[in-house]
Amino acid sequence: MNLRTAALTLLLVTSAARAEAPANVAVADSYGLAKEQAVEVCKPRGEHEYLARLVCPNSEHPAFDRRGSFGERTPLPDDLSEDASNRLVEDMMGYKALRAGETDYHIVDGYDVVCGETTTRVYLDMYHCDAPRPARAPAGFSIIN
């Protein structure tokens, strides 16, 4: 087992020990590594600023490349008409703050983040201009705050 695998295993074990997750939530921390847990930033500039603050395990800054939009953070309800779905998605693209309890249907961007020979897909939600600057990094990275 290499050092990175050991560190990730330890992270998973300690995360599971800290709190019991409900049955429908993965125990592993997938912050930034799953579109449902996308990093919340403000506009494309916020995406680039966040990615520029990431640090690879070898202490170097990664290269990154936008791979596109990956759909809604939360799947749209099945019972919506096409017009209602389009209106909901359009409304979510306005950079306005979500109301308490409002479901996040923002479109999520994916970036390939490259550290040496390793490429990791990191997901970002650029519609959270009311959120503080993210201070967390996805597993396997650290961040400059």
C-alpha atoms as a PDB file:
ATOM      1  CA  MET A   1       0.000   0.000   0.000  1.00  0.00           C
ATOM      2  CA  ASN A   2       1.519   3.330  -1.032  1.00  0.00           C
ATOM      3  CA  LEU A   3       1.449   6.446   1.147  1.00  0.00           C
ATOM      4  CA  ARG A   4      -1.403   8.104  -0.771  1.00  0.00           C
ATOM      5  CA  THR A   5      -3.606   4.996  -0.532  1.00  0.00           C
ATOM      6  CA  ALA A   6      -2.854   4.728   3.188  1.00  0.00           C
ATOM      7  CA  ALA A   7      -3.740   8.396   3.734  1.00  0.00           C
ATOM      8  CA  LEU A   8      -7.021   8.054   1.834  1.00  0.00           C
ATOM      9  CA  THR A   9      -7.885   4.899   3.791  1.00  0.00           C
ATOM     10  CA  LEU A  10      -7.196   6.704   7.061  1.00  0.00           C
ATOM     11  CA  LEU A  11      -9.361   9.636   5.915  1.00  0.00           C
ATOM     12  CA  LEU A  12     -12.248   7.300   5.105  1.00  0.00           C
ATOM     13  CA  VAL A  13     -11.966   5.436   8.411  1.00  0.00           C
ATOM     14  CA  THR A  14     -11.787   8.619  10.499  1.00  0.00           C
ATOM     15  CA  SER A  15     -14.661  10.201   8.554  1.00  0.00           C
ATOM     16  CA  ALA A  16     -16.808   7.149   9.239  1.00  0.00           C
ATOM     17  CA  ALA A  17     -15.872   7.189  12.913  1.00  0.00           C
ATOM     18  CA  ARG A  18     -16.691  10.897  13.342  1.00  0.00           C
ATOM     19  CA  ALA A  19     -20.307  10.664  12.261  1.00  0.00           C
ATOM     20  CA  GLU A  20     -22.778   8.083  11.125  1.00  0.00           C
ATOM     21  CA  ALA A  21     -24.100   8.958   7.692  1.00  0.00           C
ATOM     22  CA  PRO A  22     -27.759   8.436   6.814  1.00  0.00           C
ATOM     23  CA  ALA A  23     -28.354   5.409   4.573  1.00  0.00           C
ATOM     24  CA  ASN A  24     -28.676   7.573   1.445  1.00  0.00           C
ATOM     25  CA  VAL A  25     -25.380   9.478   1.964  1.00  0.00           C
ATOM     26  CA  ALA A  26     -21.974   8.056   1.067  1.00  0.00           C
ATOM     27  CA  VAL A  27     -19.611   7.779   4.020  1.00  0.00           C
ATOM     28  CA  ALA A  28     -16.580   8.729   1.924  1.00  0.00           C
ATOM     29  CA  ASP A  29     -16.001  12.466   1.628  1.00  0.00           C
ATOM     30  CA  SER A  30     -16.523  13.285  -2.024  1.00  0.00           C
ATOM     31  CA  TYR A  31     -16.347  17.071  -1.637  1.00  0.00           C
ATOM     32  CA  GLY A  32     -15.526  18.415  -5.082  1.00  0.00           C
ATOM     33  CA  LEU A  33     -15.201  14.896  -6.502  1.00  0.00           C
ATOM     34  CA  ALA A  34     -18.915  14.334  -7.170  1.00  0.00           C
ATOM     35  CA  LYS A  35     -21.217  16.819  -8.847  1.00  0.00           C
ATOM     36  CA  GLU A  36     -23.689  16.494  -5.959  1.00  0.00           C
ATOM     37  CA  GLN A  37     -20.935  17.814  -3.659  1.00  0.00           C
ATOM     38  CA  ALA A  38     -19.497  20.398  -6.047  1.00  0.00           C
ATOM     39  CA  VAL A  39     -17.314  23.169  -4.633  1.00  0.00           C
ATOM     40  CA  GLU A  40     -19.383  26.356  -4.359  1.00  0.00           C
ATOM     41  CA  VAL A  41     -17.735  29.388  -5.980  1.00  0.00           C
ATOM     42  CA  CYS A  42     -18.775  32.617  -7.715  1.00  0.00           C
ATOM     43  CA  LYS A  43     -18.722  32.756 -11.521  1.00  0.00           C
ATOM     44  CA  PRO A  44     -15.986  31.393 -13.833  1.00  0.00           C
ATOM     45  CA  ARG A  45     -13.447  33.666 -12.158  1.00  0.00           C
ATOM     46  CA  GLY A  46     -14.200  31.963  -8.824  1.00  0.00           C
ATOM     47  CA  GLU A  47     -13.660  28.549 -10.437  1.00  0.00           C
ATOM     48  CA  HIS A  48     -10.212  29.574 -11.704  1.00  0.00           C
ATOM     49  CA  GLU A  49      -9.244  31.259  -8.430  1.00  0.00           C
ATOM     50  CA  TYR A  50     -10.234  28.143  -6.452  1.00  0.00           C
ATOM     51  CA  LEU A  51      -8.341  25.775  -8.751  1.00  0.00           C
ATOM     52  CA  ALA A  52      -5.253  28.016  -8.643  1.00  0.00           C
ATOM     53  CA  ARG A  53      -5.236  27.652  -4.828  1.00  0.00           C
ATOM     54  CA  LEU A  54      -5.138  23.840  -4.937  1.00  0.00           C
ATOM     55  CA  VAL A  55      -1.872  22.091  -4.114  1.00  0.00           C
ATOM     56  CA  CYS A  56      -0.927  18.586  -5.290  1.00  0.00           C
ATOM     57  CA  PRO A  57       0.457  15.935  -2.918  1.00  0.00           C
ATOM     58  CA  ASN A  58       3.953  16.731  -4.285  1.00  0.00           C
ATOM     59  CA  SER A  59       3.492  20.392  -3.138  1.00  0.00           C
ATOM     60  CA  GLU A  60       3.184  21.692  -6.707  1.00  0.00           C
ATOM     61  CA  HIS A  61       0.190  23.484  -8.170  1.00  0.00           C
ATOM     62  CA  PRO A  62      -1.842  21.387 -10.610  1.00  0.00           C
ATOM     63  CA  ALA A  63      -2.655  22.145 -14.209  1.00  0.00           C
ATOM     64  CA  PHE A  64      -6.387  22.259 -14.887  1.00  0.00           C
ATOM     65  CA  ASP A  65      -8.645  22.161 -17.915  1.00  0.00           C
ATOM     66  CA  ARG A  66     -12.405  22.696 -18.068  1.00  0.00           C
ATOM     67  CA  ARG A  67     -14.056  19.576 -19.460  1.00  0.00           C
ATOM     68  CA  GLY A  68     -17.551  21.036 -19.757  1.00  0.00           C
ATOM     69  CA  SER A  69     -20.858  21.225 -17.966  1.00  0.00           C
ATOM     70  CA  PHE A  70     -22.066  18.050 -16.296  1.00  0.00           C
ATOM     71  CA  GLY A  71     -25.747  18.778 -15.780  1.00  0.00           C
ATOM     72  CA  GLU A  72     -27.705  19.713 -12.706  1.00  0.00           C
ATOM     73  CA  ARG A  73     -26.229  19.256  -9.250  1.00  0.00           C
ATOM     74  CA  THR A  74     -29.507  17.633  -8.192  1.00  0.00           C
ATOM     75  CA  PRO A  75     -31.571  15.724 -10.774  1.00  0.00           C
ATOM     76  CA  LEU A  76     -34.676  17.602 -11.894  1.00  0.00           C
ATOM     77  CA  PRO A  77     -38.002  16.136 -10.753  1.00  0.00           C
ATOM     78  CA  ASP A  78     -39.342  13.562 -13.221  1.00  0.00           C
ATOM     79  CA  ASP A  79     -42.833  15.044 -13.219  1.00  0.00           C
ATOM     80  CA  LEU A  80     -41.850  18.454 -14.662  1.00  0.00           C
ATOM     81  CA  SER A  81     -42.847  19.352 -18.206  1.00  0.00           C
ATOM     82  CA  GLU A  82     -40.064  20.301 -20.604  1.00  0.00           C
ATOM     83  CA  ASP A  83     -41.084  23.974 -20.352  1.00  0.00           C
ATOM     84  CA  ALA A  84     -41.104  23.862 -16.527  1.00  0.00           C
ATOM     85  CA  SER A  85     -37.690  22.130 -16.523  1.00  0.00           C
ATOM     86  CA  ASN A  86     -36.252  24.768 -18.848  1.00  0.00           C
ATOM     87  CA  ARG A  87     -37.636  27.601 -16.688  1.00  0.00           C
ATOM     88  CA  LEU A  88     -36.234  26.040 -13.508  1.00  0.00           C
ATOM     89  CA  VAL A  89     -32.760  25.586 -14.999  1.00  0.00           C
ATOM     90  CA  GLU A  90     -32.830  29.117 -16.449  1.00  0.00           C
ATOM     91  CA  ASP A  91     -33.853  30.509 -13.048  1.00  0.00           C
ATOM     92  CA  MET A  92     -30.972  28.673 -11.377  1.00  0.00           C
ATOM     93  CA  MET A  93     -28.445  30.311 -13.719  1.00  0.00           C
ATOM     94  CA  GLY A  94     -29.060  33.803 -12.332  1.00  0.00           C
ATOM     95  CA  TYR A  95     -26.418  33.864  -9.546  1.00  0.00           C
ATOM     96  CA  LYS A  96     -29.098  34.600  -6.967  1.00  0.00           C
ATOM     97  CA  ALA A  97     -28.868  33.131  -3.490  1.00  0.00           C
ATOM     98  CA  LEU A  98     -30.873  29.991  -2.800  1.00  0.00           C
ATOM     99  CA  ARG A  99     -33.629  30.365  -0.231  1.00  0.00           C
ATOM    100  CA  ALA A 100     -33.365  28.269   2.936  1.00  0.00           C
ATOM    101  CA  GLY A 101     -34.310  24.693   2.076  1.00  0.00           C
ATOM    102  CA  GLU A 102     -34.392  25.357  -1.681  1.00  0.00           C
ATOM    103  CA  THR A 103     -33.021  22.494  -3.777  1.00  0.00           C
ATOM    104  CA  ASP A 104     -29.872  23.304  -5.739  1.00  0.00           C
ATOM    105  CA  TYR A 105     -30.424  22.577  -9.450  1.00  0.00           C
ATOM    106  CA  HIS A 106     -27.414  24.589 -10.638  1.00  0.00           C
ATOM    107  CA  ILE A 107     -25.450  23.351 -13.626  1.00  0.00           C
ATOM    108  CA  VAL A 108     -22.077  22.002 -12.471  1.00  0.00           C
ATOM    109  CA  ASP A 109     -18.775  22.365 -14.340  1.00  0.00           C
ATOM    110  CA  GLY A 110     -16.087  19.692 -14.344  1.00  0.00           C
ATOM    111  CA  TYR A 111     -12.361  20.343 -14.551  1.00  0.00           C
ATOM    112  CA  ASP A 112      -9.603  17.814 -15.051  1.00  0.00           C
ATOM    113  CA  VAL A 113      -6.968  18.674 -12.442  1.00  0.00           C
ATOM    114  CA  VAL A 114      -3.546  17.200 -13.211  1.00  0.00           C
ATOM    115  CA  CYS A 115      -0.871  16.411 -10.634  1.00  0.00           C
ATOM    116  CA  GLY A 116       2.017  14.692 -12.401  1.00  0.00           C
ATOM    117  CA  GLU A 117       0.633  11.467 -13.877  1.00  0.00           C
ATOM    118  CA  THR A 118      -2.652  11.672 -11.943  1.00  0.00           C
ATOM    119  CA  THR A 119      -5.757  13.390 -13.297  1.00  0.00           C
ATOM    120  CA  THR A 120      -8.708  14.045 -10.983  1.00  0.00           C
ATOM    121  CA  ARG A 121     -12.080  15.419 -12.069  1.00  0.00           C
ATOM    122  CA  VAL A 122     -13.123  18.272  -9.767  1.00  0.00           C
ATOM    123  CA  TYR A 123     -16.687  19.631  -9.886  1.00  0.00           C
ATOM    124  CA  LEU A 124     -17.516  23.289  -9.291  1.00  0.00           C
ATOM    125  CA  ASP A 125     -20.850  25.088  -8.883  1.00  0.00           C
ATOM    126  CA  MET A 126     -20.261  28.698  -9.959  1.00  0.00           C
ATOM    127  CA  TYR A 127     -23.667  30.023  -8.926  1.00  0.00           C
ATOM    128  CA  HIS A 128     -22.936  30.628  -5.226  1.00  0.00           C
ATOM    129  CA  CYS A 129     -21.876  34.266  -5.140  1.00  0.00           C
ATOM    130  CA  ASP A 130     -23.335  34.603  -1.640  1.00  0.00           C
ATOM    131  CA  ALA A 131     -21.129  31.801  -0.249  1.00  0.00           C
ATOM    132  CA  PRO A 132     -17.798  32.456   1.495  1.00  0.00           C
ATOM    133  CA  ARG A 133     -14.594  31.583  -0.339  1.00  0.00           C
ATOM    134  CA  PRO A 134     -14.154  27.796  -0.027  1.00  0.00           C
ATOM    135  CA  ALA A 135     -11.486  26.778   2.470  1.00  0.00           C
ATOM    136  CA  ARG A 136     -11.646  23.008   1.824  1.00  0.00           C
ATOM    137  CA  ALA A 137      -9.842  20.944  -0.778  1.00  0.00           C
ATOM    138  CA  PRO A 138     -10.964  17.669  -2.330  1.00  0.00           C
ATOM    139  CA  ALA A 139      -9.352  14.506  -0.952  1.00  0.00           C
ATOM    140  CA  GLY A 140      -5.781  14.188  -2.184  1.00  0.00           C
ATOM    141  CA  PHE A 141      -5.238  17.960  -2.384  1.00  0.00           C
ATOM    142  CA  SER A 142      -4.508  20.753   0.031  1.00  0.00           C
ATOM    143  CA  ILE A 143      -5.450  24.388  -0.441  1.00  0.00           C
ATOM    144  CA  ILE A 144      -3.828  27.754   0.107  1.00  0.00           C
ATOM    145  CA  ASN A 145      -6.163  29.915   2.202  1.00  0.00           C
END
